[in-house]
Amino acid sequence: MKPIRSFLFVPGNREGWIDKCPASGADAVILDLEDSVPAHEKEGARALVARKIVGLVNAGQRTYVRVNRSPDLFSFEDVMAVVQSGLEGIVLPMPNGPEDIALAAALIGEAERRNSVTRGTVGIVPALETPRSLQLAYECAKAERVTALIGASAKNADLARAMGFEWSEDSFESHYLKSRTVMAARAAGKLPIGGIWQQVHDLEGLKAYATLNRRLGMSGETILHPSNAAVVNAIFTPSDQQLRYYRGMVEAFERAAREGRASVMYEGEHIDAAHAKTAKEILEFANGA
């Protein structure tokens, strides 16, 4: 899957904000029908989002939708309205485990059939917001249609409440939870995505927060404001200096290999095939970003 460095939530009832999505700089957007939409506006937001998807896709904007759920079922009305050609995926709020993801996959498959959308083209991105979903993170990650996992730990949000932890800016309390998300996603060959920094105008705080998530292995970040996209994109994109370093590493190792050696000293460090493979993956990620 193509990387998602910045994943922007946009309320599904705010038409002007939706129209500005292609100018946001975010790699992908999540048109939200869930928490950011008041109950009395749910139906109108669903219709609005359904109308806007084609235009966003035609503008080159990668587009996802977060649907609503009841205690027993994700909203089939939401799924039916938004599963259209070009929609990249559905974001699932608070799945309890892989059985919820299997249920969502069935709903999406049926919507693809009814709406004449090529089967299997709409992915699923579960947001791991319950203790059970985190305990079963790998089972969630390997489920049908899943392309990424969101392991977010926003202040005073669902996961913090469910886990009973006290939020801090260095997010010490959620390092283990984030690492579970990263390990599960990587083991299943999917993208691990972090977040969310709620103090949207504190860009220095965002930078520190996203940098930590990057160090933990996340490949991108969910964000709440367009001003956050450039900050996050920069953090999750290798710098020119890093790219020069890794290109040089690959070249040095390949020269050594041609000379029959399996390792070489490069800028004072011992490197071998494992280091060269890491360097190549970083370069490939940068080319795909």
Protein backbone atom coordinates (compact mmCIF):
# COMPACT_ATOMS: atom_id res chain seq x y z
CA MET A 1 0.00 0.00 0.00
CA LYS A 2 1.19 3.50 -0.77
CA PRO A 3 2.36 5.25 2.43
CA ILE A 4 0.06 7.53 4.39
CA ARG A 5 2.13 10.03 6.35
CA SER A 6 -0.69 12.43 7.22
CA PHE A 7 -4.26 11.18 7.67
CA LEU A 8 -6.60 14.17 8.12
CA PHE A 9 -9.97 13.87 9.86
CA VAL A 10 -12.61 16.15 8.32
CA PRO A 11 -16.14 16.44 9.78
CA GLY A 12 -18.62 15.03 7.31
CA ASN A 13 -21.13 17.81 7.93
CA ARG A 14 -18.76 20.66 6.99
CA GLU A 15 -19.06 21.09 3.22
CA GLY A 16 -16.57 23.95 3.00
CA TRP A 17 -13.94 21.97 4.85
CA ILE A 18 -14.51 18.94 2.63
CA ASP A 19 -14.08 21.08 -0.48
CA LYS A 20 -10.71 22.28 0.82
CA CYS A 21 -9.34 18.77 1.35
CA PRO A 22 -7.24 18.63 -1.85
CA ALA A 23 -5.43 21.81 -0.77
CA SER A 24 -4.69 20.51 2.74
CA GLY A 25 -1.44 18.78 1.86
CA ALA A 26 -2.56 15.61 3.66
CA ASP A 27 -1.73 12.31 1.99
CA ALA A 28 -5.25 11.04 2.74
CA VAL A 29 -8.41 12.34 4.37
CA ILE A 30 -11.00 10.67 6.57
CA LEU A 31 -14.46 12.13 6.03
CA ASP A 32 -15.97 11.54 9.44
CA LEU A 33 -19.58 10.48 9.94
CA GLU A 34 -19.04 9.45 13.55
CA ASP A 35 -17.92 11.51 16.56
CA SER A 36 -17.52 14.88 14.84
CA VAL A 37 -21.11 14.92 13.55
CA PRO A 38 -24.04 15.70 15.91
CA ALA A 39 -26.75 13.04 16.03
CA HIS A 40 -29.35 15.26 14.35
CA GLU A 41 -27.01 15.87 11.38
CA LYS A 42 -25.98 12.26 10.73
CA GLU A 43 -28.28 11.68 7.75
CA GLY A 44 -27.40 14.97 6.12
CA ALA A 45 -23.68 14.35 6.61
CA ARG A 46 -24.00 10.89 5.05
CA ALA A 47 -25.66 12.34 1.96
CA LEU A 48 -23.11 15.17 1.73
CA VAL A 49 -20.11 12.85 2.02
CA ALA A 50 -21.61 10.49 -0.56
CA ARG A 51 -21.92 13.40 -3.01
CA LYS A 52 -18.38 14.66 -2.41
CA ILE A 53 -16.36 11.47 -2.85
CA VAL A 54 -16.22 11.51 -6.65
CA GLY A 55 -15.00 15.10 -6.77
CA LEU A 56 -12.29 14.44 -4.21
CA VAL A 57 -11.12 11.34 -6.02
CA ASN A 58 -11.07 13.19 -9.35
CA ALA A 59 -8.96 15.89 -7.69
CA GLY A 60 -6.41 13.24 -6.72
CA GLN A 61 -7.32 13.19 -3.03
CA ARG A 62 -7.04 9.79 -1.39
CA THR A 63 -10.31 9.44 0.50
CA TYR A 64 -11.58 7.35 3.42
CA VAL A 65 -14.78 7.53 5.44
CA ARG A 66 -15.25 6.77 9.15
CA VAL A 67 -18.67 5.19 9.59
CA ASN A 68 -20.92 4.99 12.63
CA ARG A 69 -21.58 1.91 14.70
CA SER A 70 -24.15 0.64 17.16
CA PRO A 71 -23.31 -1.86 19.90
CA ASP A 72 -23.99 -4.67 17.42
CA LEU A 73 -23.33 -3.40 13.89
CA PHE A 74 -21.47 -0.86 11.81
CA SER A 75 -23.92 1.36 9.96
CA PHE A 76 -24.89 -0.38 6.72
CA GLU A 77 -26.63 2.85 5.66
CA ASP A 78 -23.26 4.65 5.92
CA VAL A 79 -21.43 1.86 4.12
CA MET A 80 -23.97 1.67 1.29
CA ALA A 81 -23.87 5.43 0.74
CA VAL A 82 -20.10 5.84 0.60
CA VAL A 83 -18.79 2.66 -1.03
CA GLN A 84 -18.10 4.06 -4.47
CA SER A 85 -15.43 3.65 -7.14
CA GLY A 86 -12.31 5.45 -5.99
CA LEU A 87 -13.03 5.31 -2.27
CA GLU A 88 -9.85 3.93 -0.75
CA GLY A 89 -11.24 2.60 2.48
CA ILE A 90 -13.53 2.60 5.48
CA VAL A 91 -12.21 3.57 8.91
CA LEU A 92 -13.81 1.46 11.65
CA PRO A 93 -14.36 3.04 15.05
CA MET A 94 -13.84 0.88 18.14
CA PRO A 95 -13.84 -2.66 16.73
CA ASN A 96 -13.66 -5.15 19.59
CA GLY A 97 -11.69 -7.66 17.58
CA PRO A 98 -11.33 -9.51 14.28
CA GLU A 99 -14.95 -10.65 14.30
CA ASP A 100 -16.07 -7.02 14.02
CA ILE A 101 -13.68 -6.52 11.12
CA ALA A 102 -15.04 -9.63 9.39
CA LEU A 103 -18.54 -8.22 9.80
CA ALA A 104 -17.48 -4.89 8.30
CA ALA A 105 -15.79 -6.71 5.41
CA ALA A 106 -19.05 -8.51 4.66
CA LEU A 107 -20.99 -5.25 4.69
CA ILE A 108 -18.46 -3.60 2.39
CA GLY A 109 -18.47 -6.56 0.03
CA GLU A 110 -22.25 -6.44 -0.22
CA ALA A 111 -22.14 -2.69 -0.83
CA GLU A 112 -19.55 -3.18 -3.57
CA ARG A 113 -21.84 -5.72 -5.23
CA ARG A 114 -24.95 -3.55 -5.00
CA ASN A 115 -23.14 -0.37 -6.08
CA SER A 116 -21.26 -2.02 -8.99
CA VAL A 117 -17.86 -1.33 -7.41
CA THR A 118 -15.04 -3.72 -8.25
CA ARG A 119 -14.92 -6.30 -5.46
CA GLY A 120 -12.08 -5.94 -2.99
CA THR A 121 -11.13 -2.38 -3.90
CA VAL A 122 -12.38 -0.75 -0.68
CA GLY A 123 -10.04 -1.40 2.24
CA ILE A 124 -10.54 -1.33 5.99
CA VAL A 125 -8.57 0.67 8.55
CA PRO A 126 -9.51 -0.34 12.11
CA ALA A 127 -8.89 2.16 14.90
CA LEU A 128 -7.74 0.10 17.88
CA GLU A 129 -9.58 1.91 20.66
CA THR A 130 -10.50 -0.95 23.00
CA PRO A 131 -8.31 -3.14 25.23
CA ARG A 132 -9.52 -6.28 23.48
CA SER A 133 -8.71 -4.99 19.99
CA LEU A 134 -5.19 -4.15 21.16
CA GLN A 135 -4.80 -7.57 22.77
CA LEU A 136 -5.84 -9.07 19.41
CA ALA A 137 -3.98 -6.51 17.29
CA TYR A 138 -2.30 -9.05 15.00
CA GLU A 139 -5.56 -10.91 14.39
CA CYS A 140 -7.11 -7.55 13.46
CA ALA A 141 -4.19 -6.63 11.22
CA LYS A 142 -4.26 -9.82 9.17
CA ALA A 143 -8.02 -9.72 8.61
CA GLU A 144 -9.50 -9.49 5.12
CA ARG A 145 -9.35 -6.03 3.52
CA VAL A 146 -7.30 -4.44 6.33
CA THR A 147 -4.60 -2.17 4.88
CA ALA A 148 -3.54 -0.25 7.99
CA LEU A 149 -4.06 -0.07 11.75
CA ILE A 150 -4.61 3.14 13.68
CA GLY A 151 -3.07 3.02 17.14
CA ALA A 152 -3.98 6.44 18.49
CA SER A 153 -3.86 7.66 22.08
CA ALA A 154 -5.58 11.03 22.16
CA LYS A 155 -5.98 12.87 25.45
CA ASN A 156 -9.16 11.85 27.34
CA ALA A 157 -10.44 9.85 24.37
CA ASP A 158 -11.94 6.36 24.14
CA LEU A 159 -8.74 4.36 24.58
CA ALA A 160 -7.48 6.42 27.52
CA ARG A 161 -10.81 5.97 29.27
CA ALA A 162 -10.96 2.25 28.55
CA MET A 163 -7.38 1.62 29.67
CA GLY A 164 -7.56 3.94 32.66
CA PHE A 165 -4.27 5.66 31.91
CA GLU A 166 -3.42 9.30 32.53
CA TRP A 167 -2.32 11.11 29.39
CA SER A 168 1.04 12.88 29.24
CA GLU A 169 2.81 14.81 26.49
CA ASP A 170 5.65 12.30 26.31
CA SER A 171 2.95 9.56 26.02
CA PHE A 172 4.95 7.19 28.22
CA GLU A 173 1.71 5.56 29.33
CA SER A 174 0.85 4.46 25.79
CA HIS A 175 4.26 3.39 24.41
CA TYR A 176 3.42 -0.29 24.91
CA LEU A 177 0.04 0.06 23.22
CA LYS A 178 1.58 1.84 20.26
CA SER A 179 4.31 -0.77 19.97
CA ARG A 180 1.68 -3.52 19.91
CA THR A 181 0.04 -1.72 16.99
CA VAL A 182 3.36 -1.34 15.16
CA MET A 183 4.37 -4.97 15.69
CA ALA A 184 0.99 -6.33 14.61
CA ALA A 185 0.80 -4.15 11.52
CA ARG A 186 4.37 -4.88 10.45
CA ALA A 187 3.93 -8.61 11.02
CA ALA A 188 0.87 -8.57 8.76
CA GLY A 189 2.50 -6.34 6.14
CA LYS A 190 0.19 -3.40 6.86
CA LEU A 191 0.73 0.29 7.75
CA PRO A 192 0.83 1.35 11.43
CA ILE A 193 -0.57 4.85 11.91
CA GLY A 194 -0.39 6.87 15.13
CA GLY A 195 -1.96 10.03 16.55
CA ILE A 196 -3.74 12.12 17.66
CA TRP A 197 -2.32 15.48 18.78
CA GLN A 198 -5.35 17.48 19.92
CA GLN A 199 -3.62 20.81 20.62
CA VAL A 200 -3.72 21.52 16.91
CA HIS A 201 -2.16 25.00 17.05
CA ASP A 202 0.82 23.83 19.15
CA LEU A 203 2.99 22.81 16.21
CA GLU A 204 6.12 22.32 18.33
CA GLY A 205 4.20 19.94 20.56
CA LEU A 206 2.91 18.13 17.48
CA LYS A 207 6.43 17.84 16.13
CA ALA A 208 7.71 16.24 19.33
CA TYR A 209 4.69 13.92 19.56
CA ALA A 210 4.87 12.75 15.94
CA THR A 211 8.66 12.34 16.14
CA LEU A 212 8.21 9.96 19.05
CA ASN A 213 5.61 7.98 17.10
CA ARG A 214 8.02 7.78 14.19
CA ARG A 215 10.75 6.49 16.50
CA LEU A 216 8.36 3.82 17.76
CA GLY A 217 7.87 2.60 14.17
CA MET A 218 4.70 4.33 13.03
CA SER A 219 4.57 5.12 9.31
CA GLY A 220 2.17 8.06 9.61
CA GLU A 221 -0.08 10.10 11.87
CA THR A 222 -3.77 10.92 12.14
CA ILE A 223 -4.31 14.69 12.39
CA LEU A 224 -7.16 17.09 13.09
CA HIS A 225 -6.19 20.30 11.26
CA PRO A 226 -4.72 21.06 7.81
CA SER A 227 -1.91 23.11 9.40
CA ASN A 228 -0.61 19.87 10.90
CA ALA A 229 -0.10 18.12 7.55
CA ALA A 230 3.16 19.79 6.57
CA VAL A 231 4.69 19.16 10.02
CA VAL A 232 3.76 15.50 9.99
CA ASN A 233 4.75 14.96 6.36
CA ALA A 234 8.22 16.32 7.10
CA ILE A 235 8.67 14.02 10.10
CA PHE A 236 7.61 10.89 8.25
CA THR A 237 9.64 11.69 5.12
CA PRO A 238 13.39 11.01 5.17
CA SER A 239 15.36 14.25 4.92
CA ASP A 240 17.70 14.99 2.01
CA GLN A 241 20.63 14.35 4.35
CA GLN A 242 19.22 10.97 5.34
CA LEU A 243 18.56 10.04 1.71
CA ARG A 244 22.16 10.88 0.76
CA TYR A 245 23.37 8.79 3.68
CA TYR A 246 21.30 5.75 2.72
CA ARG A 247 22.09 6.03 -1.00
CA GLY A 248 25.77 6.10 -0.09
CA MET A 249 25.30 3.08 2.16
CA VAL A 250 23.70 1.06 -0.63
CA GLU A 251 26.43 2.07 -3.07
CA ALA A 252 29.18 1.18 -0.59
CA PHE A 253 27.67 -2.22 0.14
CA GLU A 254 27.13 -3.01 -3.53
CA ARG A 255 30.76 -2.12 -4.31
CA ALA A 256 31.86 -4.42 -1.51
CA ALA A 257 29.62 -7.21 -2.81
CA ARG A 258 31.11 -6.91 -6.29
CA GLU A 259 34.53 -7.33 -4.68
CA GLY A 260 33.38 -10.50 -2.93
CA ARG A 261 32.92 -9.00 0.54
CA ALA A 262 29.81 -9.37 2.70
CA SER A 263 30.44 -6.27 4.85
CA VAL A 264 32.18 -2.91 4.66
CA MET A 265 32.96 0.14 6.80
CA TYR A 266 30.77 3.09 5.83
CA GLU A 267 31.14 6.48 7.50
CA GLY A 268 32.75 4.80 10.49
CA GLU A 269 30.11 2.08 10.86
CA HIS A 270 30.22 -1.62 10.08
CA ILE A 271 27.43 -2.48 7.62
CA ASP A 272 26.32 -5.69 5.97
CA ALA A 273 23.35 -6.99 3.96
CA ALA A 274 20.82 -6.24 6.73
CA HIS A 275 21.82 -2.57 6.84
CA ALA A 276 21.72 -2.29 3.04
CA LYS A 277 18.23 -3.83 3.00
CA THR A 278 17.04 -1.29 5.58
CA ALA A 279 18.53 1.52 3.50
CA LYS A 280 16.78 0.29 0.35
CA GLU A 281 13.41 0.11 2.12
CA ILE A 282 13.80 3.68 3.39
CA LEU A 283 14.63 4.87 -0.12
CA GLU A 284 11.62 2.98 -1.53
CA PHE A 285 9.35 4.55 1.10
CA ALA A 286 10.63 8.02 0.18
CA ASN A 287 9.98 7.36 -3.50
CA GLY A 288 6.40 6.29 -2.74
CA ALA A 289 5.56 9.15 -0.35
